[in-house]
PDB file of N, CA and C in Angstrom:
ATOM      1  N   MET A   1       2.199  -1.914   6.449  1.00  0.00           N
ATOM      2  CA  MET A   1       1.561  -1.303   7.116  1.00  0.00           C
ATOM      3  C   MET A   1       1.608  -1.638   8.954  1.00  0.00           C
ATOM      4  N   PRO A   2       1.356  -3.145   8.949  1.00  0.00           N
ATOM      5  CA  PRO A   2       1.397  -3.316  10.301  1.00  0.00           C
ATOM      6  C   PRO A   2       2.844  -3.216  11.263  1.00  0.00           C
ATOM      7  N   ARG A   3       4.064  -3.587  10.205  1.00  0.00           N
ATOM      8  CA  ARG A   3       5.176  -2.934  11.150  1.00  0.00           C
ATOM      9  C   ARG A   3       5.062  -1.211  11.449  1.00  0.00           C
ATOM     10  N   LEU A   4       4.514  -0.504  10.592  1.00  0.00           N
ATOM     11  CA  LEU A   4       4.550   0.922  10.987  1.00  0.00           C
ATOM     12  C   LEU A   4       3.564   1.138  12.267  1.00  0.00           C
ATOM     13  N   GLY A   5       2.504   0.337  12.128  1.00  0.00           N
ATOM     14  CA  GLY A   5       1.718   0.759  13.473  1.00  0.00           C
ATOM     15  C   GLY A   5       2.307   0.084  14.609  1.00  0.00           C
ATOM     16  N   ALA A   6       3.076  -0.966  14.697  1.00  0.00           N
ATOM     17  CA  ALA A   6       3.711  -1.389  15.575  1.00  0.00           C
ATOM     18  C   ALA A   6       4.885  -0.481  16.293  1.00  0.00           C
ATOM     19  N   HIS A   7       5.579  -0.232  15.461  1.00  0.00           N
ATOM     20  CA  HIS A   7       6.593   1.050  15.371  1.00  0.00           C
ATOM     21  C   HIS A   7       6.350   2.374  16.362  1.00  0.00           C
ATOM     22  N   ASN A   8       4.816   2.527  15.812  1.00  0.00           N
ATOM     23  CA  ASN A   8       4.344   4.104  16.341  1.00  0.00           C
ATOM     24  C   ASN A   8       3.099   3.872  17.204  1.00  0.00           C
ATOM     25  N   ASP A   9       2.827   2.538  17.969  1.00  0.00           N
ATOM     26  CA  ASP A   9       1.955   2.231  18.678  1.00  0.00           C
ATOM     27  C   ASP A   9       0.494   2.911  18.229  1.00  0.00           C
ATOM     28  N   ILE A  10       0.035   2.484  17.074  1.00  0.00           N
ATOM     29  CA  ILE A  10      -1.068   2.765  16.376  1.00  0.00           C
ATOM     30  C   ILE A  10      -1.696   1.865  15.723  1.00  0.00           C
ATOM     31  N   GLU A  11      -3.126   1.335  16.048  1.00  0.00           N
ATOM     32  CA  GLU A  11      -3.835   0.479  15.500  1.00  0.00           C
ATOM     33  C   GLU A  11      -3.899   0.338  14.080  1.00  0.00           C
ATOM     34  N   ILE A  12      -3.655  -0.796  13.138  1.00  0.00           N
ATOM     35  CA  ILE A  12      -3.659  -0.761  11.919  1.00  0.00           C
ATOM     36  C   ILE A  12      -4.920  -1.871  11.478  1.00  0.00           C
ATOM     37  N   GLU A  13      -5.693  -1.636  10.711  1.00  0.00           N
ATOM     38  CA  GLU A  13      -6.881  -2.385  10.325  1.00  0.00           C
ATOM     39  C   GLU A  13      -6.766  -2.146   8.431  1.00  0.00           C
ATOM     40  N   VAL A  14      -6.187  -3.733   8.308  1.00  0.00           N
ATOM     41  CA  VAL A  14      -6.040  -3.990   6.827  1.00  0.00           C
ATOM     42  C   VAL A  14      -7.559  -4.812   6.126  1.00  0.00           C
ATOM     43  N   ILE A  15      -7.939  -4.372   5.361  1.00  0.00           N
ATOM     44  CA  ILE A  15      -9.053  -4.949   5.086  1.00  0.00           C
ATOM     45  C   ILE A  15      -8.845  -5.318   3.553  1.00  0.00           C
ATOM     46  N   SER A  16      -8.951  -6.687   3.103  1.00  0.00           N
ATOM     47  CA  SER A  16      -8.663  -6.978   1.792  1.00  0.00           C
ATOM     48  C   SER A  16      -9.807  -7.902   1.228  1.00  0.00           C
ATOM     49  N   LYS A  17      -9.991  -7.700   0.002  1.00  0.00           N
ATOM     50  CA  LYS A  17     -11.292  -8.517  -0.632  1.00  0.00           C
ATOM     51  C   LYS A  17     -10.756  -8.387  -2.075  1.00  0.00           C
ATOM     52  N   ALA A  18     -11.802  -9.419  -2.729  1.00  0.00           N
ATOM     53  CA  ALA A  18     -11.579  -9.381  -4.251  1.00  0.00           C
ATOM     54  C   ALA A  18     -11.938  -8.021  -4.799  1.00  0.00           C
ATOM     55  N   ARG A  19     -11.817  -7.756  -5.535  1.00  0.00           N
ATOM     56  CA  ARG A  19     -11.485  -6.348  -6.623  1.00  0.00           C
ATOM     57  C   ARG A  19     -13.180  -6.236  -6.989  1.00  0.00           C
ATOM     58  N   ALA A  20     -13.711  -7.193  -7.250  1.00  0.00           N
ATOM     59  CA  ALA A  20     -15.204  -7.348  -7.535  1.00  0.00           C
ATOM     60  C   ALA A  20     -15.980  -7.024  -6.370  1.00  0.00           C
ATOM     61  N   GLU A  21     -15.716  -7.400  -5.109  1.00  0.00           N
ATOM     62  CA  GLU A  21     -16.544  -6.720  -4.089  1.00  0.00           C
ATOM     63  C   GLU A  21     -16.159  -5.513  -3.678  1.00  0.00           C
ATOM     64  N   TYR A  22     -15.097  -4.582  -3.984  1.00  0.00           N
ATOM     65  CA  TYR A  22     -15.171  -3.289  -3.876  1.00  0.00           C
ATOM     66  C   TYR A  22     -15.988  -2.464  -4.982  1.00  0.00           C
ATOM     67  N   GLN A  23     -16.548  -3.296  -6.257  1.00  0.00           N
ATOM     68  CA  GLN A  23     -17.177  -2.643  -7.204  1.00  0.00           C
ATOM     69  C   GLN A  23     -18.686  -2.978  -7.247  1.00  0.00           C
ATOM     70  N   THR A  24     -19.245  -3.247  -5.807  1.00  0.00           N
ATOM     71  CA  THR A  24     -20.518  -3.669  -5.813  1.00  0.00           C
ATOM     72  C   THR A  24     -21.403  -2.189  -5.183  1.00  0.00           C
ATOM     73  N   ASP A  25     -22.817  -2.420  -5.290  1.00  0.00           N
ATOM     74  CA  ASP A  25     -23.332  -1.326  -4.722  1.00  0.00           C
ATOM     75  C   ASP A  25     -23.398  -1.020  -3.432  1.00  0.00           C
ATOM     76  N   ALA A  26     -23.491  -2.238  -2.576  1.00  0.00           N
ATOM     77  CA  ALA A  26     -22.979  -2.601  -1.395  1.00  0.00           C
ATOM     78  C   ALA A  26     -22.180  -1.484  -0.888  1.00  0.00           C
ATOM     79  N   TYR A  27     -20.982  -2.041  -1.566  1.00  0.00           N
ATOM     80  CA  TYR A  27     -19.779  -1.239  -0.962  1.00  0.00           C
ATOM     81  C   TYR A  27     -19.842   0.325  -1.256  1.00  0.00           C
ATOM     82  N   PHE A  28     -20.282   0.823  -2.536  1.00  0.00           N
ATOM     83  CA  PHE A  28     -20.590   2.289  -2.511  1.00  0.00           C
ATOM     84  C   PHE A  28     -21.215   2.908  -1.566  1.00  0.00           C
ATOM     85  N   ALA A  29     -22.199   1.999  -1.116  1.00  0.00           N
ATOM     86  CA  ALA A  29     -23.452   2.658  -0.240  1.00  0.00           C
ATOM     87  C   ALA A  29     -22.826   2.988   1.205  1.00  0.00           C
ATOM     88  N   LEU A  30     -21.615   2.326   1.374  1.00  0.00           N
ATOM     89  CA  LEU A  30     -20.552   2.488   2.650  1.00  0.00           C
ATOM     90  C   LEU A  30     -19.922   4.020   2.381  1.00  0.00           C
ATOM     91  N   ASN A  31     -19.950   4.539   1.437  1.00  0.00           N
ATOM     92  CA  ASN A  31     -19.119   5.727   1.129  1.00  0.00           C
ATOM     93  C   ASN A  31     -17.878   5.852   1.739  1.00  0.00           C
ATOM     94  N   LEU A  32     -17.418   4.568   1.199  1.00  0.00           N
ATOM     95  CA  LEU A  32     -15.725   3.969   1.332  1.00  0.00           C
ATOM     96  C   LEU A  32     -14.983   4.881   0.014  1.00  0.00           C
ATOM     97  N   PRO A  33     -13.625   5.050   0.065  1.00  0.00           N
ATOM     98  CA  PRO A  33     -12.567   5.247  -1.078  1.00  0.00           C
ATOM     99  C   PRO A  33     -12.660   4.228  -2.127  1.00  0.00           C
ATOM    100  N   VAL A  34     -12.574   4.648  -3.283  1.00  0.00           N
ATOM    101  CA  VAL A  34     -12.177   3.400  -4.297  1.00  0.00           C
ATOM    102  C   VAL A  34     -10.703   2.724  -3.598  1.00  0.00           C
ATOM    103  N   ALA A  35     -11.056   1.536  -4.280  1.00  0.00           N
ATOM    104  CA  ALA A  35      -9.691   0.517  -3.778  1.00  0.00           C
ATOM    105  C   ALA A  35      -8.921   0.611  -4.653  1.00  0.00           C
ATOM    106  N   PRO A  36      -7.772   0.365  -4.391  1.00  0.00           N
ATOM    107  CA  PRO A  36      -6.967   0.468  -3.195  1.00  0.00           C
ATOM    108  C   PRO A  36      -6.842   1.830  -2.436  1.00  0.00           C
ATOM    109  N   ALA A  37      -7.036   1.957  -1.090  1.00  0.00           N
ATOM    110  CA  ALA A  37      -7.061   3.102  -0.457  1.00  0.00           C
ATOM    111  C   ALA A  37      -6.304   3.275   0.787  1.00  0.00           C
ATOM    112  N   VAL A  38      -6.160   4.254   1.099  1.00  0.00           N
ATOM    113  CA  VAL A  38      -5.215   4.439   2.894  1.00  0.00           C
ATOM    114  C   VAL A  38      -6.096   5.278   3.598  1.00  0.00           C
ATOM    115  N   MET A  39      -6.602   5.120   4.561  1.00  0.00           N
ATOM    116  CA  MET A  39      -7.445   6.041   5.344  1.00  0.00           C
ATOM    117  C   MET A  39      -6.755   5.798   6.746  1.00  0.00           C
ATOM    118  N   VAL A  40      -6.619   7.425   7.302  1.00  0.00           N
ATOM    119  CA  VAL A  40      -6.307   7.521   8.600  1.00  0.00           C
ATOM    120  C   VAL A  40      -7.505   8.348   9.539  1.00  0.00           C
ATOM    121  N   GLU A  41      -8.084   7.416  10.246  1.00  0.00           N
ATOM    122  CA  GLU A  41      -9.194   8.169  10.930  1.00  0.00           C
ATOM    123  C   GLU A  41     -10.265   8.141   9.585  1.00  0.00           C
ATOM    124  N   GLU A  42     -10.742   9.683   9.608  1.00  0.00           N
ATOM    125  CA  GLU A  42     -11.763   9.860   8.460  1.00  0.00           C
ATOM    126  C   GLU A  42     -11.152  10.263   7.178  1.00  0.00           C
ATOM    127  N   GLU A  43      -9.466  10.470   7.590  1.00  0.00           N
ATOM    128  CA  GLU A  43      -8.920  11.117   6.188  1.00  0.00           C
ATOM    129  C   GLU A  43      -8.851  10.411   5.384  1.00  0.00           C
ATOM    130  N   ILE A  44      -8.904  10.406   3.814  1.00  0.00           N
ATOM    131  CA  ILE A  44      -8.525   9.823   2.996  1.00  0.00           C
ATOM    132  C   ILE A  44      -7.085  10.251   2.429  1.00  0.00           C
ATOM    133  N   LEU A  45      -5.954   9.443   2.867  1.00  0.00           N
ATOM    134  CA  LEU A  45      -4.873   9.833   2.278  1.00  0.00           C
ATOM    135  C   LEU A  45      -4.135   9.555   0.919  1.00  0.00           C
ATOM    136  N   VAL A  46      -4.498   8.542   0.273  1.00  0.00           N
ATOM    137  CA  VAL A  46      -4.809   8.168  -1.150  1.00  0.00           C
ATOM    138  C   VAL A  46      -6.124   7.334  -1.428  1.00  0.00           C
ATOM    139  N   GLU A  47      -6.474   7.247  -2.475  1.00  0.00           N
ATOM    140  CA  GLU A  47      -7.444   6.541  -2.933  1.00  0.00           C
ATOM    141  C   GLU A  47      -7.263   6.091  -4.752  1.00  0.00           C
ATOM    142  N   GLY A  48      -7.172   4.761  -4.913  1.00  0.00           N
ATOM    143  CA  GLY A  48      -6.888   4.692  -6.207  1.00  0.00           C
ATOM    144  C   GLY A  48      -5.482   4.110  -6.712  1.00  0.00           C
ATOM    145  N   GLY A  49      -4.306   4.474  -5.772  1.00  0.00           N
ATOM    146  CA  GLY A  49      -3.231   4.211  -5.869  1.00  0.00           C
ATOM    147  C   GLY A  49      -2.213   4.008  -4.761  1.00  0.00           C
ATOM    148  N   ASP A  50      -1.057   4.480  -4.863  1.00  0.00           N
ATOM    149  CA  ASP A  50       0.048   4.124  -3.849  1.00  0.00           C
ATOM    150  C   ASP A  50       0.490   5.354  -2.796  1.00  0.00           C
ATOM    151  N   VAL A  51       0.869   4.986  -1.718  1.00  0.00           N
ATOM    152  CA  VAL A  51       1.415   6.418  -0.821  1.00  0.00           C
ATOM    153  C   VAL A  51       2.838   5.929  -0.239  1.00  0.00           C
ATOM    154  N   SER A  52       3.320   7.024  -0.258  1.00  0.00           N
ATOM    155  CA  SER A  52       4.765   6.886   0.355  1.00  0.00           C
ATOM    156  C   SER A  52       4.679   6.584   1.557  1.00  0.00           C
ATOM    157  N   GLU A  53       5.631   5.533   2.398  1.00  0.00           N
ATOM    158  CA  GLU A  53       6.004   5.563   3.865  1.00  0.00           C
ATOM    159  C   GLU A  53       6.083   7.106   4.527  1.00  0.00           C
ATOM    160  N   ALA A  54       6.801   7.859   3.776  1.00  0.00           N
ATOM    161  CA  ALA A  54       6.946   9.048   4.271  1.00  0.00           C
ATOM    162  C   ALA A  54       5.450   9.747   4.612  1.00  0.00           C
ATOM    163  N   GLU A  55       4.556   9.828   3.515  1.00  0.00           N
ATOM    164  CA  GLU A  55       3.729  10.505   3.677  1.00  0.00           C
ATOM    165  C   GLU A  55       2.644   9.690   4.756  1.00  0.00           C
ATOM    166  N   LEU A  56       2.657   8.549   4.924  1.00  0.00           N
ATOM    167  CA  LEU A  56       1.872   7.627   5.554  1.00  0.00           C
ATOM    168  C   LEU A  56       2.253   8.016   6.890  1.00  0.00           C
ATOM    169  N   ILE A  57       3.321   8.270   7.186  1.00  0.00           N
ATOM    170  CA  ILE A  57       4.086   8.323   8.541  1.00  0.00           C
ATOM    171  C   ILE A  57       3.478   9.717   9.040  1.00  0.00           C
ATOM    172  N   ALA A  58       3.919  10.853   8.103  1.00  0.00           N
ATOM    173  CA  ALA A  58       3.448  12.095   8.745  1.00  0.00           C
ATOM    174  C   ALA A  58       1.884  12.154   8.848  1.00  0.00           C
ATOM    175  N   CYS A  59       1.235  11.718   7.930  1.00  0.00           N
ATOM    176  CA  CYS A  59      -0.481  11.414   8.490  1.00  0.00           C
ATOM    177  C   CYS A  59      -0.743  11.125   9.807  1.00  0.00           C
ATOM    178  N   MET A  60       0.115  10.080   9.979  1.00  0.00           N
ATOM    179  CA  MET A  60      -0.538   9.397  11.540  1.00  0.00           C
ATOM    180  C   MET A  60       0.278  10.131  12.505  1.00  0.00           C
ATOM    181  N   ARG A  61       1.280  10.809  12.136  1.00  0.00           N
ATOM    182  CA  ARG A  61       1.933  11.741  13.024  1.00  0.00           C
ATOM    183  C   ARG A  61       0.717  12.938  13.578  1.00  0.00           C
ATOM    184  N   ARG A  62       0.463  13.589  12.325  1.00  0.00           N
ATOM    185  CA  ARG A  62      -0.641  14.618  12.280  1.00  0.00           C
ATOM    186  C   ARG A  62      -1.768  14.147  13.089  1.00  0.00           C
ATOM    187  N   HIS A  63      -2.462  12.956  12.880  1.00  0.00           N
ATOM    188  CA  HIS A  63      -3.576  12.456  13.863  1.00  0.00           C
ATOM    189  C   HIS A  63      -3.292  12.151  15.079  1.00  0.00           C
ATOM    190  N   ARG A  64      -1.929  11.993  15.338  1.00  0.00           N
ATOM    191  CA  ARG A  64      -1.668  11.714  17.098  1.00  0.00           C
ATOM    192  C   ARG A  64      -1.003  12.806  17.324  1.00  0.00           C
ATOM    193  N   ASP A  65      -1.319  13.976  17.028  1.00  0.00           N
ATOM    194  CA  ASP A  65      -0.608  15.476  17.512  1.00  0.00           C
ATOM    195  C   ASP A  65       0.685  15.310  17.986  1.00  0.00           C
ATOM    196  N   LEU A  66       1.470  14.828  16.959  1.00  0.00           N
ATOM    197  CA  LEU A  66       2.814  14.719  17.232  1.00  0.00           C
ATOM    198  C   LEU A  66       3.578  15.451  16.415  1.00  0.00           C
ATOM    199  N   SER A  67       4.890  16.166  16.589  1.00  0.00           N
ATOM    200  CA  SER A  67       5.645  17.156  15.682  1.00  0.00           C
ATOM    201  C   SER A  67       6.199  16.176  14.787  1.00  0.00           C
ATOM    202  N   GLU A  68       6.388  16.799  13.520  1.00  0.00           N
ATOM    203  CA  GLU A  68       6.829  16.079  12.248  1.00  0.00           C
ATOM    204  C   GLU A  68       8.504  15.773  12.672  1.00  0.00           C
ATOM    205  N   PRO A  69       9.043  14.982  12.290  1.00  0.00           N
ATOM    206  CA  PRO A  69      10.422  14.490  12.601  1.00  0.00           C
ATOM    207  C   PRO A  69      11.118  15.098  11.760  1.00  0.00           C
ATOM    208  N   GLN A  70      12.370  15.316  12.182  1.00  0.00           N
ATOM    209  CA  GLN A  70      13.435  16.581  11.730  1.00  0.00           C
ATOM    210  C   GLN A  70      14.359  15.491  10.652  1.00  0.00           C
ATOM    211  N   PRO A  71      14.755  15.917   9.669  1.00  0.00           N
ATOM    212  CA  PRO A  71      15.421  15.346   8.557  1.00  0.00           C
ATOM    213  C   PRO A  71      16.872  15.058   9.053  1.00  0.00           C
TER     214      PRO A  71
END
C-alpha cells in the first residue's frame, strides 16, 4: 500500500499490532473494523479479508473525485 500511496500522492497509514490487541474491549470501543481491514477515509473497503489492488485503487480514486482509469 505505501507504493500505491506514493504513486497516487495519497497518505497511507498502516497500523499493525499483535492479533490479540485487535480482540480487546478497548479496540472494540474504537468502533473500528475487524482486522485485517482496509479503510479509505471513513469507508470500510474490506474487513477480515483481502482486497485486490484494482479495488483499492478504484476506491482511492473515488475519494479523490478522480475518474476511473480506462481499460
